[in-house]
């Protein structure tokens, strides 16, 4: 099984996507091509060393990423759940609560920001970027422009945002961002179609190359959505195919693997499958997929939580760190770090300190999970509640 998978990964073009190899040399030409082929090192210009250093900093022991890059519309939904209006001052107040949490840098190495937040300051006038620097947290930025319907597909989506990405990335770098995030999705109930997978992989590869060219470490995120009734074996099959395409096109675009981070979804059964999988099973399937597809040159695997409960996301991460891995296996969580925080805060100034303590509890729990030392003993019932939303967008 593994040998077949590697054969696909190293093929000139994935037979799963195109049905045929896209290049078929004429008789006798393969020998001529072999003698002319020269191995040339491809580097990302002047930023190569910085990219590698940034990626390693984010992928540091016991630390992971806080994802607060929700669009204004999605942030508004979060705020409305506690009775707050979707205004810039309210969004600023919530993100200030998160980013000014004392001691956050002990457990968090990077924070993904929405564009509005990257240019915002605290109510005292200190730039959020400087707040992060003081805690030795690397500022990051969401650069994609969201999902839109993919014509010709099986009711699937593609991620837009390549137009103008280079100039935007250069400006983000000037503002202090040092890594980027681009999320696209693959739906198992929709097939997934070969067109959707190829579009996702190519878009991620182009984004990654453009980001590196502008000094930003790209987080590569093809999210396999939890939606569906399928078993864990089907998720593994699709994830292997998707990541084979992603790395094929990353290589085609001369992306430096040492200067990227990955943000995969864990290999789990569909959210509507009749049987849940244990953390040990999820760890086994997820690590199997990663070992078959991800080169050890990649510094860090920063998992998304994808609608799991806070405790589930932490338990699964802990299970994956029970033995050494070729890469830093950690977290890049949004809701799985913020759910209890938001409910504790309730938009009230007198609750800020308690909410920040709730954030530290979750950040520390995932830090321990990254080190393989987490215990779920004492976790609250609130932290055990699932957060899956069918067809979730943000």
Protein backbone atom coordinates (compact mmCIF):
# COMPACT_ATOMS: atom_id res chain seq x y z
CA UNK A 1 0.00 0.00 0.00
CA UNK A 2 2.67 2.50 1.03
CA UNK A 3 4.87 1.71 -1.96
CA UNK A 4 1.96 2.36 -4.33
CA UNK A 5 1.28 5.68 -2.61
CA UNK A 6 4.87 6.81 -2.99
CA UNK A 7 4.83 5.82 -6.64
CA UNK A 8 1.87 8.14 -7.17
CA UNK A 9 3.54 10.96 -5.30
CA UNK A 10 6.66 10.79 -7.40
CA UNK A 11 4.91 10.36 -10.73
CA UNK A 12 5.06 13.14 -13.33
CA UNK A 13 1.35 13.76 -12.71
CA UNK A 14 -1.10 12.06 -10.42
CA UNK A 15 -3.08 9.37 -12.23
CA UNK A 16 -5.90 9.94 -9.74
CA UNK A 17 -6.40 13.53 -10.81
CA UNK A 18 -6.01 13.36 -14.55
CA UNK A 19 -6.80 9.75 -15.26
CA UNK A 20 -3.61 9.67 -17.37
CA UNK A 21 -0.10 10.91 -17.01
CA UNK A 22 0.20 14.30 -18.64
CA UNK A 23 3.65 13.57 -20.10
CA UNK A 24 4.52 10.54 -22.19
CA UNK A 25 8.01 10.67 -23.75
CA UNK A 26 8.41 9.33 -27.27
CA UNK A 27 10.49 6.27 -27.79
CA UNK A 28 14.13 6.93 -27.09
CA UNK A 29 13.57 10.41 -25.70
CA UNK A 30 13.69 9.35 -22.04
CA UNK A 31 17.41 8.60 -22.36
CA UNK A 32 18.12 11.99 -23.90
CA UNK A 33 16.08 13.72 -21.21
CA UNK A 34 17.89 11.83 -18.47
CA UNK A 35 21.29 12.92 -19.72
CA UNK A 36 20.19 16.57 -19.97
CA UNK A 37 18.43 16.78 -16.61
CA UNK A 38 20.39 18.88 -14.14
CA UNK A 39 19.58 19.23 -10.45
CA UNK A 40 19.50 22.94 -9.65
CA UNK A 41 18.82 24.25 -6.14
CA UNK A 42 15.79 26.55 -6.13
CA UNK A 43 15.74 29.17 -3.38
CA UNK A 44 13.23 31.85 -2.44
CA UNK A 45 15.52 34.75 -3.18
CA UNK A 46 16.78 36.94 -0.37
CA UNK A 47 14.31 35.56 2.16
CA UNK A 48 15.40 31.90 2.23
CA UNK A 49 17.26 31.93 5.54
CA UNK A 50 14.63 34.10 7.19
CA UNK A 51 11.81 31.83 6.03
CA UNK A 52 13.49 28.76 7.50
CA UNK A 53 14.21 30.57 10.77
CA UNK A 54 10.62 31.81 11.05
CA UNK A 55 9.18 28.35 10.38
CA UNK A 56 11.43 26.79 13.01
CA UNK A 57 10.51 29.50 15.53
CA UNK A 58 6.81 28.80 15.10
CA UNK A 59 7.44 25.05 15.25
CA UNK A 60 9.15 25.26 18.64
CA UNK A 61 8.62 22.68 21.43
CA UNK A 62 5.48 23.08 23.51
CA UNK A 63 4.04 25.88 21.39
CA UNK A 64 1.46 26.26 18.64
CA UNK A 65 -0.64 28.83 16.77
CA UNK A 66 -3.60 30.89 17.92
CA UNK A 67 -5.87 31.43 14.90
CA UNK A 68 -7.90 34.64 15.22
CA UNK A 69 -8.20 35.32 11.51
CA UNK A 70 -11.98 35.09 11.23
CA UNK A 71 -13.46 37.54 8.75
CA UNK A 72 -15.42 40.46 10.14
CA UNK A 73 -18.67 38.67 9.27
CA UNK A 74 -17.67 35.49 11.12
CA UNK A 75 -16.27 37.41 14.07
CA UNK A 76 -19.64 39.13 14.17
CA UNK A 77 -21.36 35.77 14.52
CA UNK A 78 -19.12 34.94 17.47
CA UNK A 79 -19.87 38.28 19.10
CA UNK A 80 -23.61 37.96 18.52
CA UNK A 81 -23.56 34.66 20.42
CA UNK A 82 -22.80 36.69 23.56
CA UNK A 83 -25.09 39.57 22.68
CA UNK A 84 -22.58 42.01 21.17
CA UNK A 85 -23.00 44.01 17.97
CA UNK A 86 -20.57 43.46 15.12
CA UNK A 87 -18.66 46.74 15.34
CA UNK A 88 -14.96 47.47 14.95
CA UNK A 89 -14.59 48.55 18.62
CA UNK A 90 -16.13 45.25 19.78
CA UNK A 91 -13.91 43.21 17.44
CA UNK A 92 -10.91 45.21 18.65
CA UNK A 93 -11.86 44.65 22.31
CA UNK A 94 -12.14 40.88 21.85
CA UNK A 95 -8.88 40.54 19.96
CA UNK A 96 -7.16 42.80 22.47
CA UNK A 97 -8.33 40.46 25.23
CA UNK A 98 -6.72 37.53 23.43
CA UNK A 99 -3.45 39.11 22.35
CA UNK A 100 -2.68 40.89 25.63
CA UNK A 101 -3.11 37.76 27.77
CA UNK A 102 -0.10 37.72 30.15
CA UNK A 103 2.16 34.70 29.61
CA UNK A 104 0.54 33.70 26.32
CA UNK A 105 3.92 33.44 24.58
CA UNK A 106 4.89 30.50 26.77
CA UNK A 107 2.41 28.33 24.86
CA UNK A 108 1.73 30.25 21.64
CA UNK A 109 4.43 30.80 18.99
CA UNK A 110 2.33 32.40 16.24
CA UNK A 111 -0.97 34.25 15.85
CA UNK A 112 -2.88 34.38 12.57
CA UNK A 113 -4.60 37.74 12.21
CA UNK A 114 -7.28 39.10 9.94
CA UNK A 115 -6.17 42.12 7.90
CA UNK A 116 -8.13 44.52 10.13
CA UNK A 117 -6.31 43.23 13.23
CA UNK A 118 -2.87 43.44 11.63
CA UNK A 119 -3.30 47.20 11.31
CA UNK A 120 -5.09 47.76 14.62
CA UNK A 121 -3.73 48.88 17.99
CA UNK A 122 -4.85 48.39 21.57
CA UNK A 123 -7.07 51.00 23.18
CA UNK A 124 -3.83 52.36 24.71
CA UNK A 125 -2.37 52.91 21.24
CA UNK A 126 0.11 50.00 21.07
CA UNK A 127 0.16 48.14 17.77
CA UNK A 128 -1.05 44.57 18.05
CA UNK A 129 2.03 43.50 16.09
CA UNK A 130 4.23 45.00 18.82
CA UNK A 131 2.14 43.33 21.53
CA UNK A 132 2.91 40.00 19.87
CA UNK A 133 6.60 40.77 19.44
CA UNK A 134 6.89 41.52 23.16
CA UNK A 135 5.60 38.01 23.88
CA UNK A 136 7.90 36.46 21.26
CA UNK A 137 4.86 35.48 19.19
CA UNK A 138 5.22 35.67 15.40
CA UNK A 139 2.45 37.70 13.70
CA UNK A 140 0.74 36.02 10.75
CA UNK A 141 -1.92 37.08 8.28
CA UNK A 142 -4.84 35.44 6.45
CA UNK A 143 -4.33 36.24 2.76
CA UNK A 144 -7.02 34.29 0.90
CA UNK A 145 -10.26 35.97 -0.18
CA UNK A 146 -12.59 33.15 0.73
CA UNK A 147 -14.39 30.29 -0.99
CA UNK A 148 -16.64 30.62 -4.03
CA UNK A 149 -18.46 28.02 -6.17
CA UNK A 150 -16.24 26.11 -8.59
CA UNK A 151 -17.89 25.95 -12.06
CA UNK A 152 -17.87 22.48 -13.58
CA UNK A 153 -17.52 20.70 -10.25
CA UNK A 154 -19.86 18.62 -8.11
CA UNK A 155 -21.20 21.57 -6.08
CA UNK A 156 -17.67 22.24 -4.77
CA UNK A 157 -15.64 25.36 -3.98
CA UNK A 158 -12.35 26.99 -4.87
CA UNK A 159 -10.39 29.60 -2.97
CA UNK A 160 -9.87 33.03 -4.53
CA UNK A 161 -7.20 35.61 -3.74
CA UNK A 162 -4.22 35.13 -6.06
CA UNK A 163 -4.89 38.39 -7.89
CA UNK A 164 -2.83 41.09 -6.23
CA UNK A 165 -1.43 38.67 -3.67
CA UNK A 166 2.20 39.62 -4.27
CA UNK A 167 1.68 43.33 -3.61
CA UNK A 168 -0.57 42.63 -0.63
CA UNK A 169 1.99 40.24 0.83
CA UNK A 170 4.74 42.82 0.48
CA UNK A 171 2.61 45.31 2.43
CA UNK A 172 1.81 42.73 5.11
CA UNK A 173 5.52 42.05 5.51
CA UNK A 174 6.16 45.79 5.97
CA UNK A 175 3.48 45.86 8.66
CA UNK A 176 5.24 43.07 10.57
CA UNK A 177 3.63 39.84 9.41
CA UNK A 178 6.07 36.97 8.93
CA UNK A 179 3.81 34.10 7.93
CA UNK A 180 0.62 33.69 5.92
CA UNK A 181 -2.43 31.46 5.87
CA UNK A 182 -4.56 30.30 2.91
CA UNK A 183 -7.46 27.92 3.49
CA UNK A 184 -9.15 25.88 0.84
CA UNK A 185 -11.45 22.93 1.38
CA UNK A 186 -12.21 19.49 -0.01
CA UNK A 187 -15.60 17.85 0.53
CA UNK A 188 -15.79 14.07 0.70
CA UNK A 189 -19.61 13.89 0.18
CA UNK A 190 -19.10 15.85 -3.05
CA UNK A 191 -16.71 13.24 -4.45
CA UNK A 192 -14.33 14.94 -4.25
CA UNK A 193 -14.00 15.65 -7.96
CA UNK A 194 -10.59 15.58 -9.63
CA UNK A 195 -11.17 19.17 -10.73
CA UNK A 196 -11.73 20.42 -7.17
CA UNK A 197 -8.68 18.64 -5.79
CA UNK A 198 -6.42 19.87 -8.59
CA UNK A 199 -7.70 23.43 -8.18
CA UNK A 200 -7.11 23.28 -4.42
CA UNK A 201 -3.57 21.92 -4.81
CA UNK A 202 -2.56 24.36 -7.56
CA UNK A 203 -3.98 27.37 -5.72
CA UNK A 204 -2.13 26.44 -2.54
CA UNK A 205 1.12 25.99 -4.44
CA UNK A 206 0.88 29.35 -6.23
CA UNK A 207 0.02 31.09 -2.97
CA UNK A 208 2.95 29.39 -1.21
CA UNK A 209 5.43 30.45 -3.89
CA UNK A 210 4.18 34.05 -3.88
CA UNK A 211 4.28 34.20 -0.08
CA UNK A 212 7.86 32.96 0.09
CA UNK A 213 8.88 35.43 -2.59
CA UNK A 214 7.67 38.20 -0.25
CA UNK A 215 9.20 36.90 2.96
CA UNK A 216 6.13 35.18 4.42
CA UNK A 217 6.17 31.55 5.55
CA UNK A 218 3.07 30.00 3.95
CA UNK A 219 0.75 27.79 5.96
CA UNK A 220 -0.56 25.23 3.48
CA UNK A 221 -4.12 24.26 4.40
CA UNK A 222 -6.29 21.98 2.28
CA UNK A 223 -8.98 21.21 4.84
CA UNK A 224 -10.75 17.88 4.40
CA UNK A 225 -14.16 18.83 5.76
CA UNK A 226 -15.72 16.75 8.54
CA UNK A 227 -19.09 16.76 6.77
CA UNK A 228 -20.38 13.31 5.86
CA UNK A 229 -21.24 9.81 7.03
CA UNK A 230 -18.07 8.15 5.70
CA UNK A 231 -15.73 5.95 7.79
CA UNK A 232 -12.21 6.92 8.76
CA UNK A 233 -10.76 4.72 5.99
CA UNK A 234 -12.43 6.91 3.36
CA UNK A 235 -11.01 10.06 4.95
CA UNK A 236 -7.53 8.51 4.83
CA UNK A 237 -7.94 7.63 1.16
CA UNK A 238 -9.01 11.15 0.21
CA UNK A 239 -6.40 12.85 2.40
CA UNK A 240 -3.61 10.83 0.79
CA UNK A 241 -4.78 11.80 -2.69
CA UNK A 242 -5.14 15.47 -1.79
CA UNK A 243 -1.72 15.75 -0.14
CA UNK A 244 -0.08 13.90 -3.03
CA UNK A 245 -1.40 16.58 -5.38
CA UNK A 246 -0.44 19.40 -3.02
CA UNK A 247 3.19 18.34 -2.72
CA UNK A 248 3.45 17.63 -6.43
CA UNK A 249 2.45 21.21 -7.24
CA UNK A 250 4.48 22.69 -4.39
CA UNK A 251 7.53 21.09 -5.99
CA UNK A 252 6.46 22.26 -9.47
CA UNK A 253 6.34 25.83 -8.10
CA UNK A 254 9.81 25.56 -6.50
CA UNK A 255 8.49 26.09 -2.98
CA UNK A 256 11.10 25.59 -0.24
CA UNK A 257 9.76 22.80 1.98
CA UNK A 258 11.94 23.92 4.90
CA UNK A 259 10.14 27.27 4.80
CA UNK A 260 6.50 26.15 4.96
CA UNK A 261 4.11 24.92 7.63
CA UNK A 262 1.14 22.62 7.09
CA UNK A 263 -2.34 22.95 8.57
CA UNK A 264 -4.10 19.66 7.85
CA UNK A 265 -7.32 18.39 9.29
CA UNK A 266 -6.99 15.24 11.36
CA UNK A 267 -8.00 11.96 9.75
CA UNK A 268 -11.32 11.20 11.43
CA UNK A 269 -14.61 9.59 10.44
CA UNK A 270 -17.24 11.90 8.98
CA UNK A 271 -19.06 13.90 11.64
CA UNK A 272 -22.28 11.96 10.92
CA UNK A 273 -20.67 8.51 10.91
CA UNK A 274 -22.38 6.11 13.29
CA UNK A 275 -19.20 5.31 15.22
CA UNK A 276 -16.74 7.74 16.78
CA UNK A 277 -13.03 6.99 16.67
CA UNK A 278 -10.78 7.02 19.72
CA UNK A 279 -7.87 9.47 19.96
CA UNK A 280 -5.51 6.54 19.46
CA UNK A 281 -7.25 5.51 16.24
CA UNK A 282 -7.29 9.07 14.93
CA UNK A 283 -3.60 9.43 15.74
CA UNK A 284 -2.78 6.16 13.97
CA UNK A 285 -4.61 7.08 10.76
CA UNK A 286 -3.43 10.68 10.73
CA UNK A 287 0.22 9.82 11.26
CA UNK A 288 -0.03 7.09 8.63
CA UNK A 289 -1.23 9.66 6.11
CA UNK A 290 1.45 12.18 7.07
CA UNK A 291 4.30 9.66 6.94
CA UNK A 292 3.19 8.57 3.46
CA UNK A 293 2.91 12.09 2.10
CA UNK A 294 4.89 14.75 4.00
CA UNK A 295 8.67 15.05 3.55
CA UNK A 296 10.68 15.33 6.79
CA UNK A 297 12.08 18.63 5.50
CA UNK A 298 8.78 20.29 6.51
CA UNK A 299 9.34 21.84 9.98
CA UNK A 300 5.84 21.75 11.43
CA UNK A 301 2.39 20.21 11.17
CA UNK A 302 -0.05 22.62 12.85
CA UNK A 303 -3.43 20.89 12.99
CA UNK A 304 -6.77 22.62 12.69
CA UNK A 305 -9.52 21.54 15.06
CA UNK A 306 -12.28 21.48 12.43
CA UNK A 307 -15.26 21.61 14.77
CA UNK A 308 -14.01 19.15 17.36
CA UNK A 309 -14.63 20.01 20.99
CA UNK A 310 -11.83 21.71 22.88
CA UNK A 311 -11.02 18.49 24.73
CA UNK A 312 -11.25 16.26 21.64
CA UNK A 313 -8.79 18.44 19.73
CA UNK A 314 -6.36 18.33 22.65
CA UNK A 315 -6.70 14.59 23.25
CA UNK A 316 -6.10 13.79 19.58
CA UNK A 317 -3.01 16.01 19.46
CA UNK A 318 -1.70 14.35 22.63
CA UNK A 319 -2.17 10.89 21.10
CA UNK A 320 -0.11 11.91 18.05
CA UNK A 321 2.81 12.93 20.24
CA UNK A 322 3.26 9.67 22.14
CA UNK A 323 6.25 8.76 19.99
CA UNK A 324 8.79 10.85 18.04
CA UNK A 325 7.69 12.31 14.68
CA UNK A 326 9.80 13.64 11.79
CA UNK A 327 8.15 17.05 12.19
CA UNK A 328 6.90 19.27 15.02
CA UNK A 329 3.29 18.08 15.47
CA UNK A 330 1.27 20.86 17.04
CA UNK A 331 -1.88 22.98 16.79
CA UNK A 332 -3.33 25.97 14.98
CA UNK A 333 -6.69 26.23 16.69
CA UNK A 334 -9.39 28.88 16.54
CA UNK A 335 -12.62 27.71 18.16
CA UNK A 336 -10.82 25.00 20.17
CA UNK A 337 -8.86 27.74 21.94
CA UNK A 338 -11.53 30.45 22.05
CA UNK A 339 -14.89 28.84 22.77
CA UNK A 340 -14.70 28.91 26.56
CA UNK A 341 -12.89 32.26 26.46
CA UNK A 342 -15.75 33.94 24.60
CA UNK A 343 -18.41 32.54 26.90
CA UNK A 344 -16.42 33.60 29.96
CA UNK A 345 -15.92 37.15 28.67
CA UNK A 346 -19.53 37.93 27.67
CA UNK A 347 -18.34 41.35 26.50
CA UNK A 348 -17.93 42.66 30.04
CA UNK A 349 -14.74 44.50 31.11
CA UNK A 350 -14.89 42.92 34.57
CA UNK A 351 -14.63 39.46 32.96
CA UNK A 352 -11.47 40.13 30.92
CA UNK A 353 -9.09 38.66 33.47
CA UNK A 354 -11.16 35.49 33.89
CA UNK A 355 -11.43 35.11 30.11
CA UNK A 356 -7.66 35.47 29.72
CA UNK A 357 -7.14 32.80 32.35
CA UNK A 358 -9.49 30.54 30.37
CA UNK A 359 -7.35 31.11 27.28
CA UNK A 360 -4.21 30.20 29.19
CA UNK A 361 -5.87 26.99 30.41
CA UNK A 362 -6.57 25.88 26.85
CA UNK A 363 -3.22 27.08 25.51
CA UNK A 364 -1.36 25.22 28.26
CA UNK A 365 -3.42 22.06 27.70
CA UNK A 366 -2.47 22.03 24.02
CA UNK A 367 1.14 22.84 24.87
CA UNK A 368 1.21 19.76 27.08
CA UNK A 369 -0.45 17.75 24.30
CA UNK A 370 2.27 18.86 21.88
CA UNK A 371 4.80 17.51 24.36
CA UNK A 372 2.76 14.30 24.84
CA UNK A 373 2.06 15.11 28.51
CA UNK A 374 -1.61 16.11 28.59
CA UNK A 375 -4.26 14.67 30.89
CA UNK A 376 -7.98 15.39 30.48
CA UNK A 377 -8.55 15.06 34.21
CA UNK A 378 -10.43 18.07 35.56
CA UNK A 379 -11.64 19.37 32.19
CA UNK A 380 -14.99 21.15 32.30
CA UNK A 381 -18.15 19.88 30.65
CA UNK A 382 -18.20 23.02 28.49
CA UNK A 383 -14.79 22.11 27.04
CA UNK A 384 -16.15 18.71 26.02
CA UNK A 385 -18.97 20.07 23.87
CA UNK A 386 -18.53 19.55 20.13
CA UNK A 387 -18.51 22.56 17.80
CA UNK A 388 -19.14 20.92 14.43
CA UNK A 389 -21.25 23.04 12.08
CA UNK A 390 -22.37 21.41 8.83
CA UNK A 391 -21.13 23.38 5.82
CA UNK A 392 -19.12 25.68 8.09
CA UNK A 393 -17.72 28.84 6.49
CA UNK A 394 -15.76 31.75 7.91
